[in-house]
C-alpha atoms as a PDB file:
ATOM      1  CA  UNK A   1       0.000   0.000   0.000  1.00  0.00           C
ATOM      2  CA  UNK A   2       1.422   3.354  -1.054  1.00  0.00           C
ATOM      3  CA  UNK A   3       1.335   6.185   1.479  1.00  0.00           C
ATOM      4  CA  UNK A   4       0.906   9.729   0.305  1.00  0.00           C
ATOM      5  CA  UNK A   5       2.689  12.342   2.343  1.00  0.00           C
ATOM      6  CA  UNK A   6       0.663  15.473   2.873  1.00  0.00           C
ATOM      7  CA  UNK A   7       2.423  18.819   2.567  1.00  0.00           C
ATOM      8  CA  UNK A   8       2.387  20.802   5.774  1.00  0.00           C
ATOM      9  CA  UNK A   9       0.015  23.742   5.599  1.00  0.00           C
ATOM     10  CA  UNK A  10       0.805  27.070   7.214  1.00  0.00           C
ATOM     11  CA  UNK A  11      -2.117  26.510   9.605  1.00  0.00           C
ATOM     12  CA  UNK A  12      -0.437  23.474  11.142  1.00  0.00           C
ATOM     13  CA  UNK A  13       2.071  23.765  14.001  1.00  0.00           C
ATOM     14  CA  UNK A  14       5.592  24.666  12.861  1.00  0.00           C
ATOM     15  CA  UNK A  15       7.617  23.089  15.691  1.00  0.00           C
ATOM     16  CA  UNK A  16       7.637  19.943  17.739  1.00  0.00           C
ATOM     17  CA  UNK A  17       7.599  21.487  21.212  1.00  0.00           C
ATOM     18  CA  UNK A  18       6.236  24.516  22.963  1.00  0.00           C
ATOM     19  CA  UNK A  19       9.178  26.866  23.484  1.00  0.00           C
ATOM     20  CA  UNK A  20       7.794  28.546  26.610  1.00  0.00           C
ATOM     21  CA  UNK A  21       7.540  25.273  28.575  1.00  0.00           C
ATOM     22  CA  UNK A  22      10.601  23.616  30.125  1.00  0.00           C
ATOM     23  CA  UNK A  23      11.232  19.867  30.577  1.00  0.00           C
ATOM     24  CA  UNK A  24       9.281  19.883  33.867  1.00  0.00           C
ATOM     25  CA  UNK A  25       6.282  21.577  32.248  1.00  0.00           C
ATOM     26  CA  UNK A  26       6.908  24.946  33.888  1.00  0.00           C
ATOM     27  CA  UNK A  27       6.518  28.238  32.036  1.00  0.00           C
ATOM     28  CA  UNK A  28       9.789  29.908  31.122  1.00  0.00           C
ATOM     29  CA  UNK A  29      11.106  32.825  29.145  1.00  0.00           C
ATOM     30  CA  UNK A  30      13.051  31.559  26.131  1.00  0.00           C
ATOM     31  CA  UNK A  31      16.803  32.238  26.237  1.00  0.00           C
ATOM     32  CA  UNK A  32      17.597  34.212  23.070  1.00  0.00           C
ATOM     33  CA  UNK A  33      21.115  35.263  24.109  1.00  0.00           C
ATOM     34  CA  UNK A  34      22.826  32.974  21.566  1.00  0.00           C
ATOM     35  CA  UNK A  35      20.648  34.117  18.657  1.00  0.00           C
ATOM     36  CA  UNK A  36      22.033  36.704  16.246  1.00  0.00           C
ATOM     37  CA  UNK A  37      20.438  40.131  16.033  1.00  0.00           C
ATOM     38  CA  UNK A  38      18.721  40.314  12.657  1.00  0.00           C
ATOM     39  CA  UNK A  39      16.077  42.552  11.145  1.00  0.00           C
ATOM     40  CA  UNK A  40      12.604  41.231  11.895  1.00  0.00           C
ATOM     41  CA  UNK A  41       9.227  42.538  10.760  1.00  0.00           C
ATOM     42  CA  UNK A  42       5.717  41.434  11.639  1.00  0.00           C
ATOM     43  CA  UNK A  43       2.380  42.598  10.247  1.00  0.00           C
ATOM     44  CA  UNK A  44      -0.970  41.884  11.916  1.00  0.00           C
ATOM     45  CA  UNK A  45      -4.537  42.855  11.136  1.00  0.00           C
ATOM     46  CA  UNK A  46      -7.980  42.996  12.725  1.00  0.00           C
ATOM     47  CA  UNK A  47     -11.433  44.462  12.079  1.00  0.00           C
ATOM     48  CA  UNK A  48     -13.912  46.484  14.088  1.00  0.00           C
ATOM     49  CA  UNK A  49     -17.460  45.975  12.821  1.00  0.00           C
ATOM     50  CA  UNK A  50     -20.223  48.494  13.529  1.00  0.00           C
ATOM     51  CA  UNK A  51     -23.361  50.045  12.060  1.00  0.00           C
ATOM     52  CA  UNK A  52     -23.151  52.377   9.079  1.00  0.00           C
ATOM     53  CA  UNK A  53     -24.382  55.247  11.267  1.00  0.00           C
ATOM     54  CA  UNK A  54     -21.548  54.769  13.772  1.00  0.00           C
ATOM     55  CA  UNK A  55     -18.997  54.491  10.969  1.00  0.00           C
ATOM     56  CA  UNK A  56     -20.318  57.770   9.560  1.00  0.00           C
ATOM     57  CA  UNK A  57     -19.640  59.454  12.925  1.00  0.00           C
ATOM     58  CA  UNK A  58     -16.030  58.287  12.743  1.00  0.00           C
ATOM     59  CA  UNK A  59     -15.575  59.325   9.115  1.00  0.00           C
ATOM     60  CA  UNK A  60     -17.053  62.797   9.658  1.00  0.00           C
ATOM     61  CA  UNK A  61     -15.159  63.406  12.905  1.00  0.00           C
ATOM     62  CA  UNK A  62     -18.341  63.725  14.955  1.00  0.00           C
ATOM     63  CA  UNK A  63     -17.572  61.184  17.670  1.00  0.00           C
ATOM     64  CA  UNK A  64     -18.022  62.876  21.050  1.00  0.00           C
ATOM     65  CA  UNK A  65     -14.690  61.650  22.450  1.00  0.00           C
ATOM     66  CA  UNK A  66     -12.700  63.132  19.548  1.00  0.00           C
ATOM     67  CA  UNK A  67     -10.695  61.769  16.627  1.00  0.00           C
ATOM     68  CA  UNK A  68     -11.300  58.022  16.899  1.00  0.00           C
ATOM     69  CA  UNK A  69      -8.733  56.882  14.347  1.00  0.00           C
ATOM     70  CA  UNK A  70      -5.902  59.152  15.540  1.00  0.00           C
ATOM     71  CA  UNK A  71      -6.467  58.029  19.127  1.00  0.00           C
ATOM     72  CA  UNK A  72      -6.498  54.362  18.082  1.00  0.00           C
ATOM     73  CA  UNK A  73      -3.240  54.802  16.127  1.00  0.00           C
ATOM     74  CA  UNK A  74      -1.458  56.277  19.158  1.00  0.00           C
ATOM     75  CA  UNK A  75      -2.885  53.552  21.430  1.00  0.00           C
ATOM     76  CA  UNK A  76      -1.655  50.840  19.049  1.00  0.00           C
ATOM     77  CA  UNK A  77       1.849  52.297  18.954  1.00  0.00           C
ATOM     78  CA  UNK A  78       1.951  52.591  22.742  1.00  0.00           C
ATOM     79  CA  UNK A  79       0.714  49.000  23.106  1.00  0.00           C
ATOM     80  CA  UNK A  80       3.411  47.615  20.805  1.00  0.00           C
ATOM     81  CA  UNK A  81       6.051  49.334  22.956  1.00  0.00           C
ATOM     82  CA  UNK A  82       4.551  47.845  26.158  1.00  0.00           C
ATOM     83  CA  UNK A  83       3.911  44.263  24.955  1.00  0.00           C
ATOM     84  CA  UNK A  84       6.383  42.704  27.381  1.00  0.00           C
ATOM     85  CA  UNK A  85       4.497  44.391  30.250  1.00  0.00           C
ATOM     86  CA  UNK A  86       1.248  42.755  29.097  1.00  0.00           C
ATOM     87  CA  UNK A  87       2.330  39.306  27.868  1.00  0.00           C
ATOM     88  CA  UNK A  88       4.307  37.633  30.687  1.00  0.00           C
ATOM     89  CA  UNK A  89       6.918  35.696  28.682  1.00  0.00           C
ATOM     90  CA  UNK A  90       7.632  38.252  25.947  1.00  0.00           C
ATOM     91  CA  UNK A  91      11.066  39.855  25.833  1.00  0.00           C
ATOM     92  CA  UNK A  92      11.275  43.640  26.140  1.00  0.00           C
ATOM     93  CA  UNK A  93      12.386  44.901  22.725  1.00  0.00           C
ATOM     94  CA  UNK A  94      13.810  48.187  21.453  1.00  0.00           C
ATOM     95  CA  UNK A  95      11.408  48.588  18.541  1.00  0.00           C
ATOM     96  CA  UNK A  96      12.751  50.569  15.605  1.00  0.00           C
ATOM     97  CA  UNK A  97       9.407  51.179  13.871  1.00  0.00           C
ATOM     98  CA  UNK A  98       5.689  50.790  14.544  1.00  0.00           C
ATOM     99  CA  UNK A  99       3.032  51.793  12.026  1.00  0.00           C
ATOM    100  CA  UNK A 100      -0.704  51.574  12.539  1.00  0.00           C
ATOM    101  CA  UNK A 101      -2.870  51.958   9.446  1.00  0.00           C
ATOM    102  CA  UNK A 102      -6.627  52.202   9.883  1.00  0.00           C
ATOM    103  CA  UNK A 103      -8.995  52.365   6.949  1.00  0.00           C
ATOM    104  CA  UNK A 104     -12.744  52.646   7.056  1.00  0.00           C
ATOM    105  CA  UNK A 105     -14.709  50.206   4.932  1.00  0.00           C
ATOM    106  CA  UNK A 106     -18.369  50.904   4.237  1.00  0.00           C
ATOM    107  CA  UNK A 107     -18.906  47.364   2.943  1.00  0.00           C
ATOM    108  CA  UNK A 108     -18.145  45.832   6.363  1.00  0.00           C
ATOM    109  CA  UNK A 109     -19.199  48.390   7.741  1.00  0.00           C
ATOM    110  CA  UNK A 110     -16.299  49.177  10.012  1.00  0.00           C
ATOM    111  CA  UNK A 111     -12.564  49.716  10.287  1.00  0.00           C
ATOM    112  CA  UNK A 112      -9.639  47.563   9.209  1.00  0.00           C
ATOM    113  CA  UNK A 113      -6.645  47.969  11.509  1.00  0.00           C
ATOM    114  CA  UNK A 114      -3.165  46.900  10.380  1.00  0.00           C
ATOM    115  CA  UNK A 115       0.042  47.120  12.421  1.00  0.00           C
ATOM    116  CA  UNK A 116       3.570  46.736  11.122  1.00  0.00           C
ATOM    117  CA  UNK A 117       6.383  46.410  13.653  1.00  0.00           C
ATOM    118  CA  UNK A 118      10.134  46.282  13.023  1.00  0.00           C
ATOM    119  CA  UNK A 119      13.138  45.482  15.214  1.00  0.00           C
ATOM    120  CA  UNK A 120      16.741  44.432  14.854  1.00  0.00           C
ATOM    121  CA  UNK A 121      17.197  41.842  17.550  1.00  0.00           C
ATOM    122  CA  UNK A 122      17.391  38.164  18.523  1.00  0.00           C
ATOM    123  CA  UNK A 123      13.632  37.540  18.640  1.00  0.00           C
ATOM    124  CA  UNK A 124      10.580  38.325  16.541  1.00  0.00           C
ATOM    125  CA  UNK A 125       7.922  41.004  16.866  1.00  0.00           C
ATOM    126  CA  UNK A 126       4.749  39.015  16.119  1.00  0.00           C
ATOM    127  CA  UNK A 127       3.367  39.602  19.611  1.00  0.00           C
ATOM    128  CA  UNK A 128       4.042  43.324  19.356  1.00  0.00           C
ATOM    129  CA  UNK A 129       2.132  43.554  16.054  1.00  0.00           C
ATOM    130  CA  UNK A 130      -0.782  41.496  17.414  1.00  0.00           C
ATOM    131  CA  UNK A 131      -0.883  43.541  20.631  1.00  0.00           C
ATOM    132  CA  UNK A 132      -0.839  46.798  18.658  1.00  0.00           C
ATOM    133  CA  UNK A 133      -3.810  45.690  16.542  1.00  0.00           C
ATOM    134  CA  UNK A 134      -5.724  44.407  19.565  1.00  0.00           C
ATOM    135  CA  UNK A 135      -5.344  47.630  21.550  1.00  0.00           C
ATOM    136  CA  UNK A 136      -6.080  49.842  18.527  1.00  0.00           C
ATOM    137  CA  UNK A 137      -9.312  47.868  17.964  1.00  0.00           C
ATOM    138  CA  UNK A 138     -10.210  48.114  21.653  1.00  0.00           C
ATOM    139  CA  UNK A 139      -9.595  51.863  21.541  1.00  0.00           C
ATOM    140  CA  UNK A 140     -11.976  52.245  18.594  1.00  0.00           C
ATOM    141  CA  UNK A 141     -14.560  50.343  20.633  1.00  0.00           C
ATOM    142  CA  UNK A 142     -13.953  52.560  23.664  1.00  0.00           C
ATOM    143  CA  UNK A 143     -14.321  55.726  21.605  1.00  0.00           C
ATOM    144  CA  UNK A 144     -17.706  54.695  20.127  1.00  0.00           C
ATOM    145  CA  UNK A 145     -19.285  52.469  22.784  1.00  0.00           C
ATOM    146  CA  UNK A 146     -21.575  55.270  24.017  1.00  0.00           C
ATOM    147  CA  UNK A 147     -23.211  55.285  20.579  1.00  0.00           C
ATOM    148  CA  UNK A 148     -23.177  51.536  19.879  1.00  0.00           C
ATOM    149  CA  UNK A 149     -22.510  48.718  22.343  1.00  0.00           C
ATOM    150  CA  UNK A 150     -22.889  45.953  19.739  1.00  0.00           C
ATOM    151  CA  UNK A 151     -19.593  46.707  18.011  1.00  0.00           C
ATOM    152  CA  UNK A 152     -17.583  43.534  17.256  1.00  0.00           C
ATOM    153  CA  UNK A 153     -13.831  43.065  17.107  1.00  0.00           C
ATOM    154  CA  UNK A 154     -12.930  40.210  14.756  1.00  0.00           C
ATOM    155  CA  UNK A 155     -10.222  38.493  12.816  1.00  0.00           C
ATOM    156  CA  UNK A 156      -7.102  39.565  14.690  1.00  0.00           C
ATOM    157  CA  UNK A 157      -4.292  37.569  13.103  1.00  0.00           C
ATOM    158  CA  UNK A 158      -0.720  37.594  11.873  1.00  0.00           C
ATOM    159  CA  UNK A 159      -0.487  38.532   8.187  1.00  0.00           C
ATOM    160  CA  UNK A 160       3.257  38.269   7.694  1.00  0.00           C
ATOM    161  CA  UNK A 161       6.531  37.636   9.534  1.00  0.00           C
ATOM    162  CA  UNK A 162       9.925  38.317   7.995  1.00  0.00           C
ATOM    163  CA  UNK A 163      13.300  37.334   9.458  1.00  0.00           C
ATOM    164  CA  UNK A 164      14.614  34.993  12.081  1.00  0.00           C
ATOM    165  CA  UNK A 165      15.410  31.290  12.033  1.00  0.00           C
ATOM    166  CA  UNK A 166      11.962  30.203  10.842  1.00  0.00           C
ATOM    167  CA  UNK A 167      12.157  32.536   7.832  1.00  0.00           C
ATOM    168  CA  UNK A 168       9.319  34.204   5.987  1.00  0.00           C
ATOM    169  CA  UNK A 169       5.690  33.452   6.845  1.00  0.00           C
ATOM    170  CA  UNK A 170       2.716  34.853   4.961  1.00  0.00           C
ATOM    171  CA  UNK A 171      -0.868  33.984   5.974  1.00  0.00           C
ATOM    172  CA  UNK A 172      -2.634  31.886   3.377  1.00  0.00           C
ATOM    173  CA  UNK A 173       0.551  31.179   1.415  1.00  0.00           C
END
């Protein structure tokens, strides 16, 4: 009987062991001291879904708390810089660049939030990009919750990772 070997999809696990668990099963911070400092980039994305009326308030600058998108951009940048304070086993990193792009989409209706984070260091910035998107989405919610409580945050995920030992990853590729 001939066995067919299935190609590994990007959705399947990439390693054989969890790196944040030691041999005894205890949580640990990974030792990256022997890894070379290389340029690493991560891009993450998420969506904030709302009614057309609420989206119109954002687009016209009529939200009572102020400029929703500018506030969310600043919150996302601040969150990326503080990721190691929020996620217990993340390394503190000297980020060299954080960009938060937010576009409104009337078809959703809602906002698409994308974060790009860059560092030259021994470990990646996926968590920083994901944290930036998460907090930017939460900030949009906070800014508009008085108008609409049924807003939904969805689809937060890693789009792309460049650099490091595991190489280039692109969602859906």
